[in-house]
All heavy atoms as atom14 arrays in JSON, in Angstrom:
{
  "sequence": "EEQVSTAFTLNYGADVRTVDNPADPRRGYSAGFQIGGGARA",
  "atom14_mask": [
    [1, 1, 1, 1, 1, 1, 1, 1, 1, 0, 0, 0, 0, 0],
    [1, 1, 1, 1, 1, 1, 1, 1, 1, 0, 0, 0, 0, 0],
    [1, 1, 1, 1, 1, 1, 1, 1, 1, 0, 0, 0, 0, 0],
    [1, 1, 1, 1, 1, 1, 1, 0, 0, 0, 0, 0, 0, 0],
    [1, 1, 1, 1, 1, 1, 0, 0, 0, 0, 0, 0, 0, 0],
    [1, 1, 1, 1, 1, 1, 1, 0, 0, 0, 0, 0, 0, 0],
    [1, 1, 1, 1, 1, 0, 0, 0, 0, 0, 0, 0, 0, 0],
    [1, 1, 1, 1, 1, 1, 1, 1, 1, 1, 1, 0, 0, 0],
    [1, 1, 1, 1, 1, 1, 1, 0, 0, 0, 0, 0, 0, 0],
    [1, 1, 1, 1, 1, 1, 1, 1, 0, 0, 0, 0, 0, 0],
    [1, 1, 1, 1, 1, 1, 1, 1, 0, 0, 0, 0, 0, 0],
    [1, 1, 1, 1, 1, 1, 1, 1, 1, 1, 1, 1, 0, 0],
    [1, 1, 1, 1, 0, 0, 0, 0, 0, 0, 0, 0, 0, 0],
    [1, 1, 1, 1, 1, 0, 0, 0, 0, 0, 0, 0, 0, 0],
    [1, 1, 1, 1, 1, 1, 1, 1, 0, 0, 0, 0, 0, 0],
    [1, 1, 1, 1, 1, 1, 1, 0, 0, 0, 0, 0, 0, 0],
    [1, 1, 1, 1, 1, 1, 1, 1, 1, 1, 1, 0, 0, 0],
    [1, 1, 1, 1, 1, 1, 1, 0, 0, 0, 0, 0, 0, 0],
    [1, 1, 1, 1, 1, 1, 1, 0, 0, 0, 0, 0, 0, 0],
    [1, 1, 1, 1, 1, 1, 1, 1, 0, 0, 0, 0, 0, 0],
    [1, 1, 1, 1, 1, 1, 1, 1, 0, 0, 0, 0, 0, 0],
    [1, 1, 1, 1, 1, 1, 1, 0, 0, 0, 0, 0, 0, 0],
    [1, 1, 1, 1, 1, 0, 0, 0, 0, 0, 0, 0, 0, 0],
    [1, 1, 1, 1, 1, 1, 1, 1, 0, 0, 0, 0, 0, 0],
    [1, 1, 1, 1, 1, 1, 1, 0, 0, 0, 0, 0, 0, 0],
    [1, 1, 1, 1, 1, 1, 1, 1, 1, 1, 1, 0, 0, 0],
    [1, 1, 1, 1, 1, 1, 1, 1, 1, 1, 1, 0, 0, 0],
    [1, 1, 1, 1, 0, 0, 0, 0, 0, 0, 0, 0, 0, 0],
    [1, 1, 1, 1, 1, 1, 1, 1, 1, 1, 1, 1, 0, 0],
    [1, 1, 1, 1, 1, 1, 0, 0, 0, 0, 0, 0, 0, 0],
    [1, 1, 1, 1, 1, 0, 0, 0, 0, 0, 0, 0, 0, 0],
    [1, 1, 1, 1, 0, 0, 0, 0, 0, 0, 0, 0, 0, 0],
    [1, 1, 1, 1, 1, 1, 1, 1, 1, 1, 1, 0, 0, 0],
    [1, 1, 1, 1, 1, 1, 1, 1, 1, 0, 0, 0, 0, 0],
    [1, 1, 1, 1, 1, 1, 1, 1, 0, 0, 0, 0, 0, 0],
    [1, 1, 1, 1, 0, 0, 0, 0, 0, 0, 0, 0, 0, 0],
    [1, 1, 1, 1, 0, 0, 0, 0, 0, 0, 0, 0, 0, 0],
    [1, 1, 1, 1, 0, 0, 0, 0, 0, 0, 0, 0, 0, 0],
    [1, 1, 1, 1, 1, 0, 0, 0, 0, 0, 0, 0, 0, 0],
    [1, 1, 1, 1, 1, 1, 1, 1, 1, 1, 1, 0, 0, 0],
    [1, 1, 1, 1, 1, 0, 0, 0, 0, 0, 0, 0, 0, 0]
  ],
  "atom14_positions": [
    [[14.61, 52.51, 151.16], [15.78, 53.09, 150.51], [17.09, 52.61, 151.16], [17.05, 52.4, 152.41], [15.77, 54.62, 150.54], [14.75, 55.19, 149.65], [14.82, 56.75, 149.65], [15.73, 57.31, 150.34], [13.92, 57.34, 148.93], [0.0, 0.0, 0.0], [0.0, 0.0, 0.0], [0.0, 0.0, 0.0], [0.0, 0.0, 0.0], [0.0, 0.0, 0.0]],
    [[18.1, 52.4, 150.5], [19.44, 52.12, 151.01], [20.03, 53.28, 151.8], [19.74, 54.45, 151.44], [20.41, 51.69, 149.88], [21.83, 51.46, 150.3], [22.69, 51.18, 149.07], [22.48, 50.18, 148.42], [23.64, 51.95, 148.95], [0.0, 0.0, 0.0], [0.0, 0.0, 0.0], [0.0, 0.0, 0.0], [0.0, 0.0, 0.0], [0.0, 0.0, 0.0]],
    [[20.69, 52.99, 152.92], [21.29, 54.07, 153.64], [22.77, 53.72, 153.91], [23.14, 52.53, 154.1], [20.6, 54.12, 155.03], [19.06, 54.62, 154.9], [18.52, 54.82, 156.33], [19.24, 55.26, 157.23], [17.23, 54.68, 156.48], [0.0, 0.0, 0.0], [0.0, 0.0, 0.0], [0.0, 0.0, 0.0], [0.0, 0.0, 0.0], [0.0, 0.0, 0.0]],
    [[23.53, 54.78, 153.87], [24.99, 54.63, 154.17], [25.31, 55.6, 155.44], [24.91, 56.68, 155.44], [25.85, 55.11, 153.02], [27.37, 55.04, 153.43], [25.57, 54.2, 151.81], [0.0, 0.0, 0.0], [0.0, 0.0, 0.0], [0.0, 0.0, 0.0], [0.0, 0.0, 0.0], [0.0, 0.0, 0.0], [0.0, 0.0, 0.0], [0.0, 0.0, 0.0]],
    [[25.91, 54.98, 156.43], [26.17, 55.74, 157.69], [27.64, 55.52, 158.04], [28.12, 54.33, 157.95], [25.15, 55.39, 158.79], [25.25, 54.06, 159.1], [0.0, 0.0, 0.0], [0.0, 0.0, 0.0], [0.0, 0.0, 0.0], [0.0, 0.0, 0.0], [0.0, 0.0, 0.0], [0.0, 0.0, 0.0], [0.0, 0.0, 0.0], [0.0, 0.0, 0.0]],
    [[28.22, 56.54, 158.61], [29.54, 56.38, 159.19], [29.54, 57.01, 160.59], [28.79, 57.89, 160.84], [30.63, 57.18, 158.27], [30.22, 58.51, 158.21], [30.73, 56.57, 156.91], [0.0, 0.0, 0.0], [0.0, 0.0, 0.0], [0.0, 0.0, 0.0], [0.0, 0.0, 0.0], [0.0, 0.0, 0.0], [0.0, 0.0, 0.0], [0.0, 0.0, 0.0]],
    [[30.39, 56.43, 161.4], [30.46, 56.94, 162.84], [31.85, 56.68, 163.37], [32.47, 55.69, 163.08], [29.48, 56.18, 163.7], [0.0, 0.0, 0.0], [0.0, 0.0, 0.0], [0.0, 0.0, 0.0], [0.0, 0.0, 0.0], [0.0, 0.0, 0.0], [0.0, 0.0, 0.0], [0.0, 0.0, 0.0], [0.0, 0.0, 0.0], [0.0, 0.0, 0.0]],
    [[32.38, 57.63, 164.03], [33.54, 57.62, 164.84], [33.17, 57.81, 166.31], [32.82, 58.87, 166.68], [34.6, 58.63, 164.39], [35.87, 58.63, 165.14], [36.8, 57.52, 164.87], [36.28, 59.62, 166.04], [37.93, 57.47, 165.63], [37.47, 59.57, 166.68], [38.33, 58.51, 166.49], [0.0, 0.0, 0.0], [0.0, 0.0, 0.0], [0.0, 0.0, 0.0]],
    [[33.36, 56.69, 167.11], [32.75, 56.74, 168.38], [33.77, 56.47, 169.52], [34.76, 55.84, 169.34], [31.63, 55.57, 168.53], [32.26, 54.31, 168.18], [30.47, 55.9, 167.5], [0.0, 0.0, 0.0], [0.0, 0.0, 0.0], [0.0, 0.0, 0.0], [0.0, 0.0, 0.0], [0.0, 0.0, 0.0], [0.0, 0.0, 0.0], [0.0, 0.0, 0.0]],
    [[33.43, 57.09, 170.59], [34.16, 56.74, 171.86], [33.22, 56.01, 172.77], [32.14, 56.45, 173.1], [34.63, 58.1, 172.56], [35.27, 57.95, 174.01], [36.57, 57.2, 173.87], [35.45, 59.37, 174.63], [0.0, 0.0, 0.0], [0.0, 0.0, 0.0], [0.0, 0.0, 0.0], [0.0, 0.0, 0.0], [0.0, 0.0, 0.0], [0.0, 0.0, 0.0]],
    [[33.75, 54.81, 173.3], [32.79, 53.94, 174.0], [33.45, 53.55, 175.36], [34.67, 53.35, 175.49], [32.53, 52.64, 173.25], [32.01, 53.06, 171.82], [30.87, 53.38, 171.65], [32.97, 52.88, 170.82], [0.0, 0.0, 0.0], [0.0, 0.0, 0.0], [0.0, 0.0, 0.0], [0.0, 0.0, 0.0], [0.0, 0.0, 0.0], [0.0, 0.0, 0.0]],
    [[32.6, 53.36, 176.33], [32.99, 52.91, 177.7], [32.06, 51.81, 178.09], [30.87, 51.96, 178.01], [33.11, 53.98, 178.64], [33.58, 53.55, 180.08], [34.95, 53.39, 180.31], [32.64, 53.23, 181.06], [35.33, 53.06, 181.64], [33.1, 52.81, 182.28], [34.42, 52.67, 182.57], [34.79, 52.26, 183.85], [0.0, 0.0, 0.0], [0.0, 0.0, 0.0]],
    [[32.6, 50.74, 178.68], [31.72, 49.71, 179.24], [32.36, 49.05, 180.42], [33.6, 49.06, 180.65], [0.0, 0.0, 0.0], [0.0, 0.0, 0.0], [0.0, 0.0, 0.0], [0.0, 0.0, 0.0], [0.0, 0.0, 0.0], [0.0, 0.0, 0.0], [0.0, 0.0, 0.0], [0.0, 0.0, 0.0], [0.0, 0.0, 0.0], [0.0, 0.0, 0.0]],
    [[31.53, 48.45, 181.31], [32.01, 47.74, 182.46], [31.1, 46.54, 182.79], [29.88, 46.67, 182.56], [32.02, 48.69, 183.67], [0.0, 0.0, 0.0], [0.0, 0.0, 0.0], [0.0, 0.0, 0.0], [0.0, 0.0, 0.0], [0.0, 0.0, 0.0], [0.0, 0.0, 0.0], [0.0, 0.0, 0.0], [0.0, 0.0, 0.0], [0.0, 0.0, 0.0]],
    [[31.61, 45.48, 183.27], [30.86, 44.3, 183.62], [31.4, 43.81, 185.02], [32.56, 43.89, 185.34], [31.1, 43.16, 182.7], [30.57, 43.54, 181.25], [29.32, 43.8, 181.13], [31.39, 43.48, 180.32], [0.0, 0.0, 0.0], [0.0, 0.0, 0.0], [0.0, 0.0, 0.0], [0.0, 0.0, 0.0], [0.0, 0.0, 0.0], [0.0, 0.0, 0.0]],
    [[30.37, 43.39, 185.82], [30.79, 42.76, 187.07], [29.97, 41.42, 187.16], [28.85, 41.35, 186.72], [30.4, 43.72, 188.28], [28.84, 43.97, 188.24], [30.79, 43.17, 189.57], [0.0, 0.0, 0.0], [0.0, 0.0, 0.0], [0.0, 0.0, 0.0], [0.0, 0.0, 0.0], [0.0, 0.0, 0.0], [0.0, 0.0, 0.0], [0.0, 0.0, 0.0]],
    [[30.68, 40.43, 187.76], [30.04, 39.17, 187.87], [30.37, 38.56, 189.22], [31.59, 38.4, 189.59], [30.45, 38.23, 186.74], [29.84, 36.88, 186.77], [30.2, 36.01, 185.5], [31.66, 35.81, 185.37], [32.14, 35.28, 184.25], [31.42, 34.93, 183.24], [33.5, 35.08, 184.24], [0.0, 0.0, 0.0], [0.0, 0.0, 0.0], [0.0, 0.0, 0.0]],
    [[29.35, 38.29, 189.97], [29.62, 37.57, 191.26], [28.59, 36.32, 191.42], [27.43, 36.46, 191.85], [29.27, 38.54, 192.45], [30.1, 39.68, 192.3], [29.56, 37.91, 193.76], [0.0, 0.0, 0.0], [0.0, 0.0, 0.0], [0.0, 0.0, 0.0], [0.0, 0.0, 0.0], [0.0, 0.0, 0.0], [0.0, 0.0, 0.0], [0.0, 0.0, 0.0]],
    [[29.04, 35.25, 190.92], [28.25, 34.03, 190.94], [29.05, 32.88, 191.5], [30.3, 32.95, 191.55], [27.78, 33.7, 189.48], [26.82, 34.71, 188.98], [28.96, 33.54, 188.45], [0.0, 0.0, 0.0], [0.0, 0.0, 0.0], [0.0, 0.0, 0.0], [0.0, 0.0, 0.0], [0.0, 0.0, 0.0], [0.0, 0.0, 0.0], [0.0, 0.0, 0.0]],
    [[28.4, 31.84, 191.93], [29.08, 30.72, 192.59], [29.85, 29.87, 191.58], [30.85, 29.23, 191.86], [28.08, 29.83, 193.3], [26.86, 29.36, 192.43], [26.73, 29.92, 191.29], [26.07, 28.53, 192.95], [0.0, 0.0, 0.0], [0.0, 0.0, 0.0], [0.0, 0.0, 0.0], [0.0, 0.0, 0.0], [0.0, 0.0, 0.0], [0.0, 0.0, 0.0]],
    [[29.33, 29.82, 190.29], [29.96, 29.07, 189.18], [29.6, 29.68, 187.85], [28.46, 29.58, 187.39], [29.52, 27.62, 189.27], [30.13, 26.73, 188.22], [30.96, 27.24, 187.39], [29.93, 25.43, 188.17], [0.0, 0.0, 0.0], [0.0, 0.0, 0.0], [0.0, 0.0, 0.0], [0.0, 0.0, 0.0], [0.0, 0.0, 0.0], [0.0, 0.0, 0.0]],
    [[30.6, 30.42, 187.24], [30.2, 31.11, 186.0], [29.63, 30.21, 184.84], [28.74, 30.66, 184.11], [31.59, 31.72, 185.51], [32.37, 31.78, 186.72], [31.96, 30.57, 187.69], [0.0, 0.0, 0.0], [0.0, 0.0, 0.0], [0.0, 0.0, 0.0], [0.0, 0.0, 0.0], [0.0, 0.0, 0.0], [0.0, 0.0, 0.0], [0.0, 0.0, 0.0]],
    [[30.06, 28.91, 184.85], [29.63, 28.0, 183.79], [28.25, 27.36, 184.13], [27.57, 26.81, 183.28], [30.7, 26.91, 183.56], [0.0, 0.0, 0.0], [0.0, 0.0, 0.0], [0.0, 0.0, 0.0], [0.0, 0.0, 0.0], [0.0, 0.0, 0.0], [0.0, 0.0, 0.0], [0.0, 0.0, 0.0], [0.0, 0.0, 0.0], [0.0, 0.0, 0.0]],
    [[27.91, 27.4, 185.43], [26.66, 26.72, 185.89], [26.11, 27.52, 187.05], [26.13, 26.95, 188.18], [26.8, 25.19, 186.1], [25.53, 24.55, 186.43], [24.48, 25.14, 186.23], [25.6, 23.41, 186.96], [0.0, 0.0, 0.0], [0.0, 0.0, 0.0], [0.0, 0.0, 0.0], [0.0, 0.0, 0.0], [0.0, 0.0, 0.0], [0.0, 0.0, 0.0]],
    [[25.79, 28.77, 186.97], [25.44, 29.54, 188.12], [24.07, 29.13, 188.83], [23.13, 28.82, 188.05], [25.39, 30.98, 187.59], [24.92, 30.81, 186.22], [25.65, 29.56, 185.74], [0.0, 0.0, 0.0], [0.0, 0.0, 0.0], [0.0, 0.0, 0.0], [0.0, 0.0, 0.0], [0.0, 0.0, 0.0], [0.0, 0.0, 0.0], [0.0, 0.0, 0.0]],
    [[24.12, 29.16, 190.09], [22.86, 28.88, 190.92], [22.58, 30.0, 191.91], [21.44, 30.25, 192.4], [22.89, 27.64, 191.65], [22.8, 26.38, 190.83], [22.28, 25.25, 191.65], [20.95, 25.41, 192.14], [20.47, 24.96, 193.35], [21.2, 24.23, 194.15], [19.24, 25.18, 193.68], [0.0, 0.0, 0.0], [0.0, 0.0, 0.0], [0.0, 0.0, 0.0]],
    [[23.68, 30.78, 192.2], [23.55, 31.87, 193.16], [24.36, 33.01, 192.73], [25.52, 32.85, 192.28], [23.89, 31.39, 194.63], [23.7, 32.5, 195.64], [24.27, 32.07, 196.96], [23.61, 30.86, 197.46], [22.37, 30.92, 198.13], [21.82, 32.07, 198.32], [21.83, 29.75, 198.55], [0.0, 0.0, 0.0], [0.0, 0.0, 0.0], [0.0, 0.0, 0.0]],
    [[23.94, 34.28, 192.79], [24.69, 35.44, 192.58], [24.0, 36.31, 191.46], [22.91, 36.19, 191.12], [0.0, 0.0, 0.0], [0.0, 0.0, 0.0], [0.0, 0.0, 0.0], [0.0, 0.0, 0.0], [0.0, 0.0, 0.0], [0.0, 0.0, 0.0], [0.0, 0.0, 0.0], [0.0, 0.0, 0.0], [0.0, 0.0, 0.0], [0.0, 0.0, 0.0]],
    [[24.87, 37.23, 190.9], [24.39, 38.11, 189.92], [25.48, 38.57, 188.98], [26.62, 38.4, 189.29], [23.73, 39.39, 190.57], [24.81, 40.27, 191.18], [25.46, 41.28, 190.55], [25.22, 40.06, 192.54], [26.38, 42.01, 191.15], [26.13, 40.81, 193.17], [26.72, 41.8, 192.49], [27.7, 42.61, 193.09], [0.0, 0.0, 0.0], [0.0, 0.0, 0.0]],
    [[25.08, 39.07, 187.79], [25.98, 39.61, 186.86], [25.35, 40.89, 186.31], [24.08, 40.91, 186.11], [26.43, 38.7, 185.76], [25.28, 38.32, 185.02], [0.0, 0.0, 0.0], [0.0, 0.0, 0.0], [0.0, 0.0, 0.0], [0.0, 0.0, 0.0], [0.0, 0.0, 0.0], [0.0, 0.0, 0.0], [0.0, 0.0, 0.0], [0.0, 0.0, 0.0]],
    [[26.08, 41.86, 185.95], [25.55, 43.24, 185.42], [26.56, 43.81, 184.59], [27.72, 43.63, 184.74], [25.03, 44.11, 186.59], [0.0, 0.0, 0.0], [0.0, 0.0, 0.0], [0.0, 0.0, 0.0], [0.0, 0.0, 0.0], [0.0, 0.0, 0.0], [0.0, 0.0, 0.0], [0.0, 0.0, 0.0], [0.0, 0.0, 0.0], [0.0, 0.0, 0.0]],
    [[26.16, 44.6, 183.68], [27.0, 45.37, 182.88], [26.31, 46.63, 182.13], [25.02, 46.66, 182.15], [0.0, 0.0, 0.0], [0.0, 0.0, 0.0], [0.0, 0.0, 0.0], [0.0, 0.0, 0.0], [0.0, 0.0, 0.0], [0.0, 0.0, 0.0], [0.0, 0.0, 0.0], [0.0, 0.0, 0.0], [0.0, 0.0, 0.0], [0.0, 0.0, 0.0]],
    [[27.08, 47.56, 181.83], [26.53, 48.78, 181.11], [27.52, 49.22, 180.04], [28.75, 49.01, 180.18], [26.26, 49.91, 182.17], [27.45, 50.7, 182.65], [27.81, 51.8, 181.97], [28.09, 50.22, 183.7], [28.94, 52.49, 182.39], [29.24, 50.99, 184.14], [29.61, 52.11, 183.47], [0.0, 0.0, 0.0], [0.0, 0.0, 0.0], [0.0, 0.0, 0.0]],
    [[27.01, 49.97, 179.18], [27.82, 50.58, 178.03], [27.24, 51.99, 177.81], [26.06, 52.19, 177.89], [27.68, 49.73, 176.79], [28.06, 48.34, 176.95], [27.66, 47.45, 175.69], [27.21, 48.03, 174.66], [27.85, 46.11, 175.83], [0.0, 0.0, 0.0], [0.0, 0.0, 0.0], [0.0, 0.0, 0.0], [0.0, 0.0, 0.0], [0.0, 0.0, 0.0]],
    [[28.18, 52.86, 177.44], [27.86, 54.2, 177.09], [28.9, 54.6, 175.95], [30.1, 54.38, 176.03], [27.96, 55.21, 178.29], [27.67, 56.61, 177.78], [29.28, 55.12, 178.94], [27.49, 57.6, 178.96], [0.0, 0.0, 0.0], [0.0, 0.0, 0.0], [0.0, 0.0, 0.0], [0.0, 0.0, 0.0], [0.0, 0.0, 0.0], [0.0, 0.0, 0.0]],
    [[28.28, 55.08, 174.87], [29.13, 55.43, 173.67], [28.39, 56.29, 172.7], [27.14, 56.29, 172.7], [0.0, 0.0, 0.0], [0.0, 0.0, 0.0], [0.0, 0.0, 0.0], [0.0, 0.0, 0.0], [0.0, 0.0, 0.0], [0.0, 0.0, 0.0], [0.0, 0.0, 0.0], [0.0, 0.0, 0.0], [0.0, 0.0, 0.0], [0.0, 0.0, 0.0]],
    [[29.11, 57.02, 171.89], [28.48, 57.84, 170.95], [29.4, 58.59, 169.99], [30.64, 58.36, 170.13], [0.0, 0.0, 0.0], [0.0, 0.0, 0.0], [0.0, 0.0, 0.0], [0.0, 0.0, 0.0], [0.0, 0.0, 0.0], [0.0, 0.0, 0.0], [0.0, 0.0, 0.0], [0.0, 0.0, 0.0], [0.0, 0.0, 0.0], [0.0, 0.0, 0.0]],
    [[28.9, 59.31, 169.11], [29.61, 60.07, 168.14], [29.05, 61.43, 167.96], [27.98, 61.75, 168.39], [0.0, 0.0, 0.0], [0.0, 0.0, 0.0], [0.0, 0.0, 0.0], [0.0, 0.0, 0.0], [0.0, 0.0, 0.0], [0.0, 0.0, 0.0], [0.0, 0.0, 0.0], [0.0, 0.0, 0.0], [0.0, 0.0, 0.0], [0.0, 0.0, 0.0]],
    [[29.84, 62.25, 167.12], [29.39, 63.58, 166.91], [29.69, 63.94, 165.41], [30.68, 63.51, 164.81], [30.1, 64.64, 167.86], [0.0, 0.0, 0.0], [0.0, 0.0, 0.0], [0.0, 0.0, 0.0], [0.0, 0.0, 0.0], [0.0, 0.0, 0.0], [0.0, 0.0, 0.0], [0.0, 0.0, 0.0], [0.0, 0.0, 0.0], [0.0, 0.0, 0.0]],
    [[28.83, 64.84, 164.83], [29.05, 65.25, 163.51], [30.48, 65.96, 163.28], [31.03, 65.95, 162.31], [27.97, 66.23, 163.01], [26.71, 65.51, 162.78], [25.57, 66.5, 162.33], [24.35, 65.77, 162.0], [23.26, 66.4, 161.62], [23.23, 67.79, 161.54], [22.21, 65.72, 161.32], [0.0, 0.0, 0.0], [0.0, 0.0, 0.0], [0.0, 0.0, 0.0]],
    [[30.86, 66.65, 164.45], [32.1, 67.39, 164.34], [33.29, 66.46, 164.23], [34.41, 66.9, 163.95], [32.22, 68.31, 165.49], [0.0, 0.0, 0.0], [0.0, 0.0, 0.0], [0.0, 0.0, 0.0], [0.0, 0.0, 0.0], [0.0, 0.0, 0.0], [0.0, 0.0, 0.0], [0.0, 0.0, 0.0], [0.0, 0.0, 0.0], [0.0, 0.0, 0.0]]
  ]
}
């Protein structure tokens, strides 16, 4: 069945990147997270 859904959401996200070369990394790390949601009210 076809479904129709609507949502009004508040979202927060953050990213961190520590690498030797973002375009061609060989050493380091990158990480990120997101949290967001909505309510019927």
